[in-house]
Protein backbone atom coordinates (compact mmCIF):
# COMPACT_ATOMS: atom_id res chain seq x y z
CA MET A 1 3.26 6.11 -21.13
CA SER A 2 3.78 8.90 -24.56
CA TYR A 3 1.60 9.37 -27.16
CA ALA A 4 3.00 10.82 -30.40
CA THR A 5 1.79 13.20 -31.60
CA ASP A 6 -1.08 12.41 -34.37
CA PRO A 7 0.10 14.42 -37.86
CA THR A 8 -2.36 16.47 -39.29
CA PRO A 9 -4.38 14.44 -42.22
CA ASP A 10 -4.99 15.34 -45.70
CA GLU A 11 -8.72 17.22 -44.84
CA GLY A 12 -8.91 17.53 -41.21
CA VAL A 13 -9.15 13.92 -40.53
CA ALA A 14 -6.96 11.50 -39.25
CA PRO A 15 -5.39 8.53 -39.89
CA ARG A 16 -6.47 5.13 -38.41
CA GLU A 17 -4.71 3.49 -36.27
CA SER A 18 -2.63 0.05 -35.12
CA GLY A 19 -4.67 -1.66 -33.09
CA THR A 20 -1.75 -1.78 -30.72
CA GLN A 21 -1.87 2.07 -31.04
CA ALA A 22 -5.47 1.96 -30.45
CA LEU A 23 -5.21 0.70 -27.40
CA ASP A 24 -2.29 2.48 -26.29
CA ARG A 25 -4.45 5.81 -26.82
CA ALA A 26 -7.27 4.40 -25.38
CA LEU A 27 -6.04 3.52 -22.08
CA GLY A 28 -4.40 6.87 -21.79
CA VAL A 29 -7.56 8.61 -21.97
CA LEU A 30 -9.04 6.59 -19.36
CA LEU A 31 -6.02 7.78 -17.41
CA ALA A 32 -6.95 11.14 -17.65
CA PHE A 33 -9.39 11.02 -15.55
CA ARG A 34 -7.54 10.63 -12.43
CA GLY A 35 -7.18 13.82 -10.08
CA ASP A 36 -9.94 15.70 -9.81
CA ALA A 37 -11.51 15.94 -13.38
CA VAL A 38 -14.88 13.99 -12.93
CA GLU A 39 -16.32 14.78 -16.15
CA ARG A 40 -13.71 15.87 -19.20
CA LYS A 41 -13.86 17.84 -22.46
CA VAL A 42 -12.17 15.73 -25.83
CA SER A 43 -10.97 19.50 -26.88
CA ASP A 44 -9.03 19.59 -23.66
CA VAL A 45 -7.33 16.15 -23.50
CA SER A 46 -6.85 15.82 -27.17
CA ARG A 47 -4.58 18.90 -26.51
CA GLU A 48 -3.31 16.89 -23.51
CA LEU A 49 -2.22 13.71 -25.48
CA GLY A 50 -0.89 14.61 -28.32
CA LEU A 51 -3.84 13.54 -30.36
CA HIS A 52 -5.23 14.30 -33.60
CA LYS A 53 -9.32 15.93 -32.56
CA SER A 54 -10.88 13.94 -34.34
CA THR A 55 -8.51 10.97 -33.22
CA ALA A 56 -9.48 11.52 -29.56
CA SER A 57 -13.67 11.80 -30.35
CA ARG A 58 -13.25 8.34 -31.92
CA LEU A 59 -12.04 6.72 -29.25
CA PHE A 60 -14.20 8.69 -26.35
CA ARG A 61 -17.30 7.26 -29.01
CA ALA A 62 -15.46 3.58 -28.74
CA LEU A 63 -15.46 3.89 -24.71
CA ALA A 64 -18.96 4.86 -24.56
CA ASP A 65 -20.45 1.77 -26.06
CA ALA A 66 -17.93 0.00 -24.48
CA GLY A 67 -19.64 1.73 -20.74
CA PHE A 68 -16.18 3.46 -19.70
CA LEU A 69 -17.35 6.42 -20.46
CA GLN A 70 -20.37 7.94 -19.76
CA ARG A 71 -21.00 11.38 -22.31
CA ASN A 72 -23.32 14.60 -21.11
CA GLU A 73 -25.35 15.19 -23.32
CA GLU A 74 -26.65 19.12 -22.13
CA ASN A 75 -22.21 20.06 -22.53
CA GLY A 76 -20.66 17.25 -24.36
CA THR A 77 -18.81 15.80 -21.53
CA TYR A 78 -17.55 12.91 -20.32
CA ARG A 79 -17.29 11.01 -16.98
CA LEU A 80 -15.80 7.54 -16.52
CA GLY A 81 -18.73 5.37 -17.24
CA VAL A 82 -20.04 1.58 -14.94
CA ALA A 83 -17.87 -0.22 -16.18
CA VAL A 84 -15.26 0.85 -14.62
CA PHE A 85 -16.71 0.37 -11.66
CA GLU A 86 -17.65 -3.00 -12.15
CA LEU A 87 -13.58 -3.89 -12.99
CA GLY A 88 -13.11 -1.43 -9.88
CA ALA A 89 -15.87 -3.76 -7.81
CA ARG A 90 -14.04 -7.35 -8.89
CA PHE A 91 -10.64 -6.32 -8.03
CA LEU A 92 -11.59 -4.87 -4.60
CA ALA A 93 -13.66 -8.22 -4.19
CA GLY A 94 -9.94 -9.69 -5.62
CA ILE A 95 -8.18 -8.70 -3.46
CA ASP A 96 -5.90 -11.92 -0.64
CA LEU A 97 -3.70 -9.89 1.85
CA HIS A 98 -2.19 -13.23 2.38
CA ALA A 99 -1.80 -14.17 -1.49
CA LEU A 100 -0.26 -10.42 -2.76
CA ALA A 101 2.21 -10.94 0.13
CA ARG A 102 3.24 -14.49 0.40
CA PRO A 103 5.42 -13.46 -2.44
CA LEU A 104 6.88 -9.73 -1.69
CA LEU A 105 7.27 -12.01 2.25
CA HIS A 106 9.74 -14.43 0.60
CA GLN A 107 12.07 -11.55 -1.50
CA LEU A 108 12.32 -9.91 1.30
CA ALA A 109 14.16 -12.83 3.39
CA GLU A 110 16.52 -14.47 0.63
CA ARG A 111 17.27 -10.20 -0.48
CA GLU A 112 18.10 -8.84 3.26
CA GLY A 113 18.90 -13.27 5.30
CA GLU A 114 16.93 -12.03 7.69
CA SER A 115 13.23 -13.31 9.95
CA VAL A 116 10.25 -11.45 7.75
CA ASN A 117 7.21 -11.82 9.40
CA LEU A 118 3.16 -10.09 8.46
CA ALA A 119 1.00 -9.33 11.52
CA VAL A 120 -2.75 -8.39 12.27
CA LEU A 121 -4.22 -6.49 14.68
CA GLU A 122 -6.64 -8.51 16.58
CA GLY A 123 -7.93 -7.19 19.26
CA SER A 124 -5.05 -5.97 22.16
CA ASP A 125 -2.56 -8.17 20.48
CA ALA A 126 -0.59 -8.78 17.21
CA ILE A 127 -1.30 -12.38 15.28
CA SER A 128 0.84 -13.75 13.51
CA LEU A 129 0.31 -14.25 9.98
CA TYR A 130 2.67 -15.80 7.52
CA VAL A 131 6.51 -16.42 8.46
CA VAL A 132 9.29 -16.73 6.09
CA GLN A 133 12.76 -17.35 8.39
CA GLY A 134 15.52 -16.02 6.96
CA THR A 135 19.23 -17.72 4.69
CA ARG A 136 21.93 -16.16 7.82
CA ASN A 137 22.71 -18.22 10.11
CA VAL A 138 21.37 -17.64 13.80
CA GLN A 139 16.94 -16.91 13.28
CA LEU A 140 14.44 -16.45 14.55
CA VAL A 141 11.70 -18.61 15.60
CA SER A 142 8.65 -18.11 15.13
CA ARG A 143 5.18 -19.23 14.27
CA LEU A 144 2.80 -19.10 12.07
CA GLY A 145 -0.84 -17.61 14.96
CA ARG A 146 1.62 -16.68 17.38
CA ARG A 147 -0.36 -13.94 19.90
CA ILE A 148 2.19 -10.99 20.06
CA PRO A 149 2.46 -8.31 22.49
CA LEU A 150 1.68 -4.87 20.80
CA TRP A 151 3.47 -2.95 23.85
CA CYS A 152 6.75 -4.69 23.04
CA SER A 153 7.10 -6.26 20.18
CA ALA A 154 7.55 -3.56 16.07
CA ALA A 155 4.61 -5.15 14.47
CA GLY A 156 1.95 -4.27 16.85
CA LYS A 157 3.51 -0.72 17.61
CA ALA A 158 3.15 -0.32 13.47
CA LEU A 159 -0.20 -1.15 13.62
CA LEU A 160 -1.22 1.05 16.21
CA VAL A 161 0.62 3.29 13.69
CA ASP A 162 -2.40 6.13 13.57
CA HIS A 163 -3.99 4.96 17.08
CA ASP A 164 -4.39 8.76 18.72
CA ASP A 165 -3.43 9.03 22.62
CA ASP A 166 -6.81 8.65 24.18
CA ALA A 167 -7.61 5.81 21.19
CA LEU A 168 -4.32 3.56 22.28
CA ARG A 169 -5.34 4.30 26.77
CA ALA A 170 -8.58 2.80 25.59
CA LEU A 171 -7.35 -0.55 23.33
CA LEU A 172 -4.53 -1.12 26.41
CA ALA A 173 -6.08 0.84 29.68
CA THR A 174 -6.48 -3.71 31.04
CA VAL A 175 -3.22 -4.86 29.42
CA PRO A 176 -0.67 -6.03 31.87
CA PHE A 177 2.60 -4.39 30.23
CA THR A 178 4.38 -7.53 31.71
CA ALA A 179 8.29 -6.72 31.96
CA MET A 180 9.98 -9.09 29.32
CA THR A 181 13.39 -7.95 29.68
CA SER A 182 14.77 -4.90 31.45
CA ASN A 183 14.34 -3.11 28.55
CA THR A 184 10.38 -4.09 28.09
CA ILE A 185 7.98 -1.21 28.36
CA THR A 186 6.13 -2.01 31.43
CA ASP A 187 3.25 0.90 31.77
CA LEU A 188 1.08 2.85 29.57
CA ASP A 189 2.13 6.68 29.39
CA THR A 190 5.20 5.34 28.81
CA PHE A 191 3.88 2.77 25.89
CA VAL A 192 2.06 6.61 24.51
CA ALA A 193 4.74 8.72 24.61
CA HIS A 194 6.88 6.80 22.74
CA MET A 195 4.15 6.20 20.55
CA ALA A 196 4.72 9.80 19.51
CA THR A 197 7.95 8.93 17.80
CA VAL A 198 6.86 6.07 16.49
CA ARG A 199 3.60 8.65 14.77
CA ARG A 200 5.98 11.08 13.57
CA GLN A 201 8.94 8.40 11.87
CA GLY A 202 6.26 6.04 10.52
CA TRP A 203 7.61 2.19 11.89
CA ALA A 204 8.54 1.12 14.72
CA LEU A 205 11.40 -0.95 16.57
CA ASN A 206 12.15 -3.31 19.42
CA ASP A 207 15.63 -3.11 20.95
CA GLN A 208 15.06 -6.22 22.81
CA GLU A 209 11.76 -5.20 24.47
CA SER A 210 10.42 -8.76 24.14
CA GLU A 211 13.72 -11.03 24.21
CA HIS A 212 17.42 -10.64 24.63
CA GLY A 213 19.41 -10.13 21.69
CA LEU A 214 16.38 -9.68 19.94
CA ARG A 215 15.85 -6.17 17.11
CA VAL A 216 12.96 -5.31 15.32
CA VAL A 217 12.07 -3.23 13.28
CA ALA A 218 8.51 -2.88 11.32
CA ALA A 219 6.17 -0.99 9.15
CA PRO A 220 2.76 0.04 8.53
CA VAL A 221 0.35 -1.54 5.76
CA ARG A 222 -2.60 0.11 4.31
CA ASP A 223 -5.29 -0.57 2.53
CA ARG A 224 -6.93 1.68 -0.08
CA ARG A 225 -8.81 3.74 2.75
CA ASP A 226 -5.86 4.72 4.72
CA ARG A 227 -6.15 2.73 7.50
CA VAL A 228 -3.94 -0.01 8.40
CA THR A 229 -4.59 -3.61 7.40
CA ALA A 230 -0.72 -5.06 8.93
CA ALA A 231 1.91 -4.61 9.80
CA ILE A 232 5.93 -6.57 8.01
CA SER A 233 8.43 -7.18 10.16
CA ILE A 234 12.38 -7.94 9.30
CA SER A 235 14.08 -9.72 12.79
CA GLY A 236 17.55 -10.38 13.55
CA PRO A 237 19.64 -11.45 16.29
CA ILE A 238 21.75 -8.15 18.26
CA PHE A 239 25.13 -8.88 17.06
CA ARG A 240 23.92 -9.09 13.54
CA LEU A 241 21.42 -5.74 13.02
CA ASP A 242 23.93 -2.80 14.68
CA ASP A 243 22.79 0.48 14.43
CA THR A 244 23.80 0.40 10.45
CA ARG A 245 21.92 -2.79 9.73
CA THR A 246 18.82 -1.42 11.23
CA ARG A 247 18.58 1.51 9.51
CA GLU A 248 19.19 -0.72 5.98
CA LEU A 249 16.20 -3.09 6.82
CA THR A 250 13.66 -0.26 8.37
CA ASP A 251 14.12 0.52 4.58
CA ALA A 252 13.38 -2.49 3.36
CA ALA A 253 10.59 -2.67 5.73
CA CYS A 254 9.03 0.40 4.63
CA ARG A 255 9.97 -0.31 1.01
CA THR A 256 8.96 -3.75 1.26
CA ALA A 257 4.89 -2.57 2.58
CA ALA A 258 4.80 0.38 0.38
CA GLU A 259 4.24 -1.94 -2.43
CA LEU A 260 2.32 -3.74 -0.59
CA SER A 261 -0.28 -0.98 0.63
CA ARG A 262 0.49 -0.32 -3.57
CA GLN A 263 -0.77 -3.42 -4.60
CA LEU A 264 -3.83 -3.20 -2.35
CA GLY A 265 -5.53 0.40 -3.84
CA HIS A 266 -3.40 2.60 -1.67
CA GLY A 267 -3.19 5.66 -3.29
CA PHE A 268 -6.57 5.16 -5.23
CA GLY A 269 -9.24 5.70 -2.59
CA ASP A 270 -10.51 8.63 -3.88
CA ARG A 271 -11.64 7.39 -6.93
CA TRP A 272 -14.00 5.48 -5.20
CA GLY A 273 -15.31 8.16 -3.30
CA ASP A 274 -13.46 7.18 0.28
């Protein structure tokens, strides 16, 4: 957002703005409270935004009257007001993972032509929450509500990306690690070692571990508290997903997961103190 510097007015009085210009500047004032700046001086904000000090003062007063800012009467600085918190609380109450993910998953499946899945963690399984079939021939047939083993699925691994070794051992201590194919990891120690790579790279691969001829990539979705709340995976037949194509789909899954994370408020938790 850019702001034109106010022309120097006669007798030190800033000219009145148009409605659109005033709104643009008021939003700029609110956004100036991002980061570690809990309280701000009018003079500092006016200098940052290139506003005449009288214009900035008028905006600060109007925002304070509306509850978006609160003035510290002892030193004249301002902090964000309760109206900002109320709007944020309404945003958080209205977050719907399924509703936010749905258009992004359809766009991803249409763009890449492969099947896309949204999964969440439930106990020691991943649950398929939403599936979009791809547009190319030969597609993975999946269903909603399907339980996906964590140790041999890309989505399952992505959901566990923040689990350290002890947490993995506690969660999967009683899991049978049944061999689905010759590529399936069949013991806890090997899986824990494998997850170190997944944590380091930030995404997961199922390379014919759950089904012969199937390759799947997945990326974690995070909420505003930076917790992994879901995983987005893309799957396809091995003859179509060579190493180059797998890297492309990995990037696509990571981009979509990052966008869904952003819409869930990821990266904004520090503004709420959590």
